Amino acid sequence: MQLSLNKRFSHGYTILANYTWAKSIDNDSLDTAGAVQNSLNLRPEKALSDFDIRHRFVTSFLWEIRRSSGAG
């Protein structure tokens, strides 16, 4: 699931927020080191990946600096 929020405010301010909920499953993470218990039945080898990140929240801010339009 991914959610994204992009809000623009006055005076050039912008906020961008993203949230991701995920689940990564594989049968060859680093901790198993390729040792398969039964090569004819790989179903028990499935587990959470080493790189599984369940919740991820990222925020960025932007401020647009404008030059003054005065003479000079």
PDB file of N, CA and C in Angstrom:
ATOM      1  N   MET A   1       0.849  -1.161   0.000  1.00  0.00           N
ATOM      2  CA  MET A   1       0.000   0.000   0.000  1.00  0.00           C
ATOM      3  C   MET A   1       0.899   1.229   0.000  1.00  0.00           C
ATOM      4  N   GLN A   2       0.541   2.194  -0.816  1.00  0.00           N
ATOM      5  CA  GLN A   2       1.296   3.445  -0.864  1.00  0.00           C
ATOM      6  C   GLN A   2       0.330   4.618  -0.747  1.00  0.00           C
ATOM      7  N   LEU A   3       0.703   5.571   0.073  1.00  0.00           N
ATOM      8  CA  LEU A   3      -0.048   6.807   0.223  1.00  0.00           C
ATOM      9  C   LEU A   3       0.887   7.972  -0.040  1.00  0.00           C
ATOM     10  N   SER A   4       0.379   8.980  -0.718  1.00  0.00           N
ATOM     11  CA  SER A   4       1.197  10.149  -1.026  1.00  0.00           C
ATOM     12  C   SER A   4       0.385  11.413  -0.777  1.00  0.00           C
ATOM     13  N   LEU A   5       1.046  12.408  -0.209  1.00  0.00           N
ATOM     14  CA  LEU A   5       0.414  13.694   0.070  1.00  0.00           C
ATOM     15  C   LEU A   5       1.340  14.788  -0.439  1.00  0.00           C
ATOM     16  N   ASN A   6       0.806  15.650  -1.267  1.00  0.00           N
ATOM     17  CA  ASN A   6       1.568  16.777  -1.799  1.00  0.00           C
ATOM     18  C   ASN A   6       0.757  18.034  -1.508  1.00  0.00           C
ATOM     19  N   LYS A   7       1.263  18.892  -0.634  1.00  0.00           N
ATOM     20  CA  LYS A   7       0.542  20.091  -0.227  1.00  0.00           C
ATOM     21  C   LYS A   7       1.377  21.320  -0.542  1.00  0.00           C
ATOM     22  N   ARG A   8       0.791  22.233  -1.286  1.00  0.00           N
ATOM     23  CA  ARG A   8       1.455  23.505  -1.610  1.00  0.00           C
ATOM     24  C   ARG A   8       0.845  24.617  -0.783  1.00  0.00           C
ATOM     25  N   PHE A   9       1.715  25.374  -0.152  1.00  0.00           N
ATOM     26  CA  PHE A   9       1.289  26.494   0.670  1.00  0.00           C
ATOM     27  C   PHE A   9       1.683  27.792  -0.026  1.00  0.00           C
ATOM     28  N   SER A  10       1.237  28.900   0.538  1.00  0.00           N
ATOM     29  CA  SER A  10       1.616  30.194  -0.016  1.00  0.00           C
ATOM     30  C   SER A  10       3.089  30.479   0.258  1.00  0.00           C
ATOM     31  N   HIS A  11       3.633  31.449  -0.423  1.00  0.00           N
ATOM     32  CA  HIS A  11       5.025  31.881  -0.274  1.00  0.00           C
ATOM     33  C   HIS A  11       6.033  30.815  -0.706  1.00  0.00           C
ATOM     34  N   GLY A  12       5.618  29.894  -1.576  1.00  0.00           N
ATOM     35  CA  GLY A  12       6.549  28.943  -2.151  1.00  0.00           C
ATOM     36  C   GLY A  12       6.890  27.728  -1.314  1.00  0.00           C
ATOM     37  N   TYR A  13       6.135  27.432  -0.268  1.00  0.00           N
ATOM     38  CA  TYR A  13       6.392  26.252   0.556  1.00  0.00           C
ATOM     39  C   TYR A  13       5.625  25.046   0.006  1.00  0.00           C
ATOM     40  N   THR A  14       6.283  23.903  -0.048  1.00  0.00           N
ATOM     41  CA  THR A  14       5.654  22.654  -0.484  1.00  0.00           C
ATOM     42  C   THR A  14       6.115  21.522   0.426  1.00  0.00           C
ATOM     43  N   ILE A  15       5.180  20.660   0.809  1.00  0.00           N
ATOM     44  CA  ILE A  15       5.498  19.474   1.606  1.00  0.00           C
ATOM     45  C   ILE A  15       5.050  18.251   0.811  1.00  0.00           C
ATOM     46  N   LEU A  16       5.942  17.277   0.717  1.00  0.00           N
ATOM     47  CA  LEU A  16       5.634  16.014   0.063  1.00  0.00           C
ATOM     48  C   LEU A  16       5.877  14.896   1.070  1.00  0.00           C
ATOM     49  N   ALA A  17       4.847  14.099   1.351  1.00  0.00           N
ATOM     50  CA  ALA A  17       4.963  13.005   2.315  1.00  0.00           C
ATOM     51  C   ALA A  17       4.518  11.710   1.653  1.00  0.00           C
ATOM     52  N   ASN A  18       5.278  10.638   1.877  1.00  0.00           N
ATOM     53  CA  ASN A  18       4.955   9.325   1.330  1.00  0.00           C
ATOM     54  C   ASN A  18       5.029   8.278   2.430  1.00  0.00           C
ATOM     55  N   TYR A  19       4.059   7.365   2.416  1.00  0.00           N
ATOM     56  CA  TYR A  19       4.037   6.248   3.352  1.00  0.00           C
ATOM     57  C   TYR A  19       3.874   4.960   2.553  1.00  0.00           C
ATOM     58  N   THR A  20       4.669   3.952   2.883  1.00  0.00           N
ATOM     59  CA  THR A  20       4.584   2.663   2.211  1.00  0.00           C
ATOM     60  C   THR A  20       4.502   1.563   3.262  1.00  0.00           C
ATOM     61  N   TRP A  21       3.515   0.681   3.099  1.00  0.00           N
ATOM     62  CA  TRP A  21       3.413  -0.518   3.904  1.00  0.00           C
ATOM     63  C   TRP A  21       3.649  -1.689   2.973  1.00  0.00           C
ATOM     64  N   ALA A  22       4.599  -2.555   3.324  1.00  0.00           N
ATOM     65  CA  ALA A  22       4.949  -3.657   2.439  1.00  0.00           C
ATOM     66  C   ALA A  22       5.403  -4.859   3.253  1.00  0.00           C
ATOM     67  N   LYS A  23       5.490  -5.984   2.569  1.00  0.00           N
ATOM     68  CA  LYS A  23       5.987  -7.220   3.173  1.00  0.00           C
ATOM     69  C   LYS A  23       6.739  -7.976   2.091  1.00  0.00           C
ATOM     70  N   SER A  24       7.993  -8.292   2.365  1.00  0.00           N
ATOM     71  CA  SER A  24       8.823  -8.985   1.386  1.00  0.00           C
ATOM     72  C   SER A  24       9.132 -10.397   1.886  1.00  0.00           C
ATOM     73  N   ILE A  25       8.771 -11.383   1.069  1.00  0.00           N
ATOM     74  CA  ILE A  25       9.016 -12.784   1.392  1.00  0.00           C
ATOM     75  C   ILE A  25       9.850 -13.396   0.275  1.00  0.00           C
ATOM     76  N   ASP A  26      10.851 -14.182   0.653  1.00  0.00           N
ATOM     77  CA  ASP A  26      11.634 -14.895  -0.358  1.00  0.00           C
ATOM     78  C   ASP A  26      12.108 -16.226   0.209  1.00  0.00           C
ATOM     79  N   ASN A  27      12.843 -16.961  -0.584  1.00  0.00           N
ATOM     80  CA  ASN A  27      13.360 -18.247  -0.115  1.00  0.00           C
ATOM     81  C   ASN A  27      14.882 -18.309  -0.171  1.00  0.00           C
ATOM     82  N   ASP A  28      15.535 -17.161  -0.278  1.00  0.00           N
ATOM     83  CA  ASP A  28      16.991 -17.157  -0.366  1.00  0.00           C
ATOM     84  C   ASP A  28      17.580 -15.909   0.277  1.00  0.00           C
ATOM     85  N   SER A  29      17.261 -15.668   1.539  1.00  0.00           N
ATOM     86  CA  SER A  29      17.855 -14.538   2.241  1.00  0.00           C
ATOM     87  C   SER A  29      19.274 -14.882   2.661  1.00  0.00           C
ATOM     88  N   LEU A  30      19.986 -13.889   3.123  1.00  0.00           N
ATOM     89  CA  LEU A  30      21.402 -14.066   3.444  1.00  0.00           C
ATOM     90  C   LEU A  30      21.652 -15.047   4.582  1.00  0.00           C
ATOM     91  N   ASP A  31      20.754 -15.134   5.553  1.00  0.00           N
ATOM     92  CA  ASP A  31      21.010 -15.993   6.706  1.00  0.00           C
ATOM     93  C   ASP A  31      20.874 -17.487   6.399  1.00  0.00           C
ATOM     94  N   THR A  32      20.213 -17.868   5.312  1.00  0.00           N
ATOM     95  CA  THR A  32      20.106 -19.296   4.976  1.00  0.00           C
ATOM     96  C   THR A  32      21.350 -19.802   4.268  1.00  0.00           C
ATOM     97  N   ALA A  33      22.085 -18.948   3.599  1.00  0.00           N
ATOM     98  CA  ALA A  33      23.344 -19.279   2.915  1.00  0.00           C
ATOM     99  C   ALA A  33      23.201 -20.445   1.943  1.00  0.00           C
ATOM    100  N   GLY A  34      22.026 -20.584   1.309  1.00  0.00           N
ATOM    101  CA  GLY A  34      21.843 -21.589   0.275  1.00  0.00           C
ATOM    102  C   GLY A  34      21.617 -23.001   0.788  1.00  0.00           C
ATOM    103  N   ALA A  35      21.494 -23.201   2.092  1.00  0.00           N
ATOM    104  CA  ALA A  35      21.286 -24.539   2.650  1.00  0.00           C
ATOM    105  C   ALA A  35      19.799 -24.877   2.592  1.00  0.00           C
ATOM    106  N   VAL A  36      19.408 -25.722   1.628  1.00  0.00           N
ATOM    107  CA  VAL A  36      18.019 -26.130   1.463  1.00  0.00           C
ATOM    108  C   VAL A  36      17.830 -27.464   2.177  1.00  0.00           C
ATOM    109  N   GLN A  37      16.772 -27.555   3.012  1.00  0.00           N
ATOM    110  CA  GLN A  37      16.524 -28.786   3.750  1.00  0.00           C
ATOM    111  C   GLN A  37      16.044 -29.909   2.840  1.00  0.00           C
ATOM    112  N   ASN A  38      15.123 -29.585   1.911  1.00  0.00           N
ATOM    113  CA  ASN A  38      14.578 -30.580   1.009  1.00  0.00           C
ATOM    114  C   ASN A  38      14.385 -29.921  -0.346  1.00  0.00           C
ATOM    115  N   SER A  39      15.181 -30.302  -1.331  1.00  0.00           N
ATOM    116  CA  SER A  39      15.111 -29.656  -2.644  1.00  0.00           C
ATOM    117  C   SER A  39      13.827 -29.995  -3.389  1.00  0.00           C
ATOM    118  N   LEU A  40      13.082 -30.999  -2.960  1.00  0.00           N
ATOM    119  CA  LEU A  40      11.814 -31.355  -3.599  1.00  0.00           C
ATOM    120  C   LEU A  40      10.632 -30.602  -2.995  1.00  0.00           C
ATOM    121  N   ASN A  41      10.831 -29.956  -1.863  1.00  0.00           N
ATOM    122  CA  ASN A  41       9.777 -29.205  -1.196  1.00  0.00           C
ATOM    123  C   ASN A  41      10.363 -27.876  -0.710  1.00  0.00           C
ATOM    124  N   LEU A  42      10.220 -26.829  -1.518  1.00  0.00           N
ATOM    125  CA  LEU A  42      10.804 -25.528  -1.176  1.00  0.00           C
ATOM    126  C   LEU A  42       9.867 -24.638  -0.363  1.00  0.00           C
ATOM    127  N   ARG A  43       8.635 -25.057  -0.155  1.00  0.00           N
ATOM    128  CA  ARG A  43       7.678 -24.240   0.588  1.00  0.00           C
ATOM    129  C   ARG A  43       8.155 -23.887   2.003  1.00  0.00           C
ATOM    130  N   PRO A  44       8.755 -24.810   2.768  1.00  0.00           N
ATOM    131  CA  PRO A  44       9.230 -24.439   4.115  1.00  0.00           C
ATOM    132  C   PRO A  44      10.393 -23.444   4.106  1.00  0.00           C
ATOM    133  N   GLU A  45      11.011 -23.226   2.972  1.00  0.00           N
ATOM    134  CA  GLU A  45      12.142 -22.302   2.887  1.00  0.00           C
ATOM    135  C   GLU A  45      11.705 -20.842   2.848  1.00  0.00           C
ATOM    136  N   LYS A  46      10.430 -20.569   2.581  1.00  0.00           N
ATOM    137  CA  LYS A  46       9.954 -19.187   2.498  1.00  0.00           C
ATOM    138  C   LYS A  46       9.932 -18.538   3.870  1.00  0.00           C
ATOM    139  N   ALA A  47      10.397 -17.304   3.914  1.00  0.00           N
ATOM    140  CA  ALA A  47      10.394 -16.529   5.157  1.00  0.00           C
ATOM    141  C   ALA A  47      10.518 -15.049   4.804  1.00  0.00           C
ATOM    142  N   LEU A  48      10.454 -14.205   5.810  1.00  0.00           N
ATOM    143  CA  LEU A  48      10.637 -12.773   5.572  1.00  0.00           C
ATOM    144  C   LEU A  48      12.031 -12.523   5.022  1.00  0.00           C
ATOM    145  N   SER A  49      12.111 -11.639   4.059  1.00  0.00           N
ATOM    146  CA  SER A  49      13.405 -11.280   3.471  1.00  0.00           C
ATOM    147  C   SER A  49      14.246 -10.509   4.473  1.00  0.00           C
ATOM    148  N   ASP A  50      15.544 -10.568   4.283  1.00  0.00           N
ATOM    149  CA  ASP A  50      16.436  -9.794   5.146  1.00  0.00           C
ATOM    150  C   ASP A  50      16.231  -8.294   4.954  1.00  0.00           C
ATOM    151  N   PHE A  51      15.765  -7.895   3.776  1.00  0.00           N
ATOM    152  CA  PHE A  51      15.569  -6.485   3.483  1.00  0.00           C
ATOM    153  C   PHE A  51      14.105  -6.057   3.654  1.00  0.00           C
ATOM    154  N   ASP A  52      13.313  -6.845   4.369  1.00  0.00           N
ATOM    155  CA  ASP A  52      11.904  -6.529   4.608  1.00  0.00           C
ATOM    156  C   ASP A  52      11.788  -5.274   5.475  1.00  0.00           C
ATOM    157  N   ILE A  53      11.151  -4.261   4.945  1.00  0.00           N
ATOM    158  CA  ILE A  53      10.878  -3.023   5.686  1.00  0.00           C
ATOM    159  C   ILE A  53       9.367  -2.848   5.684  1.00  0.00           C
ATOM    160  N   ARG A  54       8.752  -3.049   6.831  1.00  0.00           N
ATOM    161  CA  ARG A  54       7.298  -3.085   6.904  1.00  0.00           C
ATOM    162  C   ARG A  54       6.684  -1.699   6.719  1.00  0.00           C
ATOM    163  N   HIS A  55       7.199  -0.712   7.425  1.00  0.00           N
ATOM    164  CA  HIS A  55       6.657   0.649   7.360  1.00  0.00           C
ATOM    165  C   HIS A  55       7.770   1.603   6.949  1.00  0.00           C
ATOM    166  N   ARG A  56       7.480   2.436   5.977  1.00  0.00           N
ATOM    167  CA  ARG A  56       8.468   3.430   5.533  1.00  0.00           C
ATOM    168  C   ARG A  56       7.743   4.763   5.332  1.00  0.00           C
ATOM    169  N   PHE A  57       8.249   5.795   5.994  1.00  0.00           N
ATOM    170  CA  PHE A  57       7.670   7.132   5.904  1.00  0.00           C
ATOM    171  C   PHE A  57       8.768   8.100   5.485  1.00  0.00           C
ATOM    172  N   VAL A  58       8.548   8.793   4.384  1.00  0.00           N
ATOM    173  CA  VAL A  58       9.533   9.735   3.851  1.00  0.00           C
ATOM    174  C   VAL A  58       8.845  11.090   3.657  1.00  0.00           C
ATOM    175  N   THR A  59       9.513  12.144   4.102  1.00  0.00           N
ATOM    176  CA  THR A  59       8.975  13.501   3.967  1.00  0.00           C
ATOM    177  C   THR A  59      10.029  14.401   3.352  1.00  0.00           C
ATOM    178  N   SER A  60       9.581  15.277   2.485  1.00  0.00           N
ATOM    179  CA  SER A  60      10.494  16.280   1.929  1.00  0.00           C
ATOM    180  C   SER A  60       9.804  17.635   1.938  1.00  0.00           C
ATOM    181  N   PHE A  61      10.624  18.655   2.061  1.00  0.00           N
ATOM    182  CA  PHE A  61      10.147  20.033   2.108  1.00  0.00           C
ATOM    183  C   PHE A  61      10.828  20.821   1.003  1.00  0.00           C
ATOM    184  N   LEU A  62      10.105  21.743   0.435  1.00  0.00           N
ATOM    185  CA  LEU A  62      10.656  22.581  -0.618  1.00  0.00           C
ATOM    186  C   LEU A  62      10.250  24.023  -0.353  1.00  0.00           C
ATOM    187  N   TRP A  63      11.208  24.904  -0.481  1.00  0.00           N
ATOM    188  CA  TRP A  63      10.932  26.325  -0.319  1.00  0.00           C
ATOM    189  C   TRP A  63      11.483  27.030  -1.538  1.00  0.00           C
ATOM    190  N   GLU A  64      10.608  27.587  -2.344  1.00  0.00           N
ATOM    191  CA  GLU A  64      11.019  28.288  -3.556  1.00  0.00           C
ATOM    192  C   GLU A  64      11.380  29.729  -3.205  1.00  0.00           C
ATOM    193  N   ILE A  65      12.622  30.073  -3.470  1.00  0.00           N
ATOM    194  CA  ILE A  65      13.100  31.439  -3.202  1.00  0.00           C
ATOM    195  C   ILE A  65      12.961  32.240  -4.487  1.00  0.00           C
ATOM    196  N   ARG A  66      12.199  33.291  -4.401  1.00  0.00           N
ATOM    197  CA  ARG A  66      11.959  34.129  -5.570  1.00  0.00           C
ATOM    198  C   ARG A  66      12.757  35.426  -5.460  1.00  0.00           C
ATOM    199  N   ARG A  67      13.262  35.834  -6.593  1.00  0.00           N
ATOM    200  CA  ARG A  67      13.980  37.119  -6.633  1.00  0.00           C
ATOM    201  C   ARG A  67      12.961  38.257  -6.620  1.00  0.00           C
ATOM    202  N   SER A  68      13.337  39.338  -5.984  1.00  0.00           N
ATOM    203  CA  SER A  68      12.439  40.488  -5.970  1.00  0.00           C
ATOM    204  C   SER A  68      12.424  41.113  -7.371  1.00  0.00           C
ATOM    205  N   SER A  69      11.272  41.631  -7.744  1.00  0.00           N
ATOM    206  CA  SER A  69      11.136  42.199  -9.086  1.00  0.00           C
ATOM    207  C   SER A  69      11.475  43.692  -9.127  1.00  0.00           C
ATOM    208  N   GLY A  70      12.058  44.211  -8.075  1.00  0.00           N
ATOM    209  CA  GLY A  70      12.416  45.615  -8.028  1.00  0.00           C
ATOM    210  C   GLY A  70      13.602  45.931  -8.934  1.00  0.00           C
ATOM    211  N   ALA A  71      13.707  47.177  -9.337  1.00  0.00           N
ATOM    212  CA  ALA A  71      14.811  47.595 -10.200  1.00  0.00           C
ATOM    213  C   ALA A  71      16.100  47.654  -9.385  1.00  0.00           C
ATOM    214  N   GLY A  72      17.201  47.314 -10.047  1.00  0.00           N
ATOM    215  CA  GLY A  72      18.415  47.471  -9.293  1.00  0.00           C
ATOM    216  C   GLY A  72      19.423  46.561  -9.715  1.00  0.00           C
TER     217      GLY A  72
END
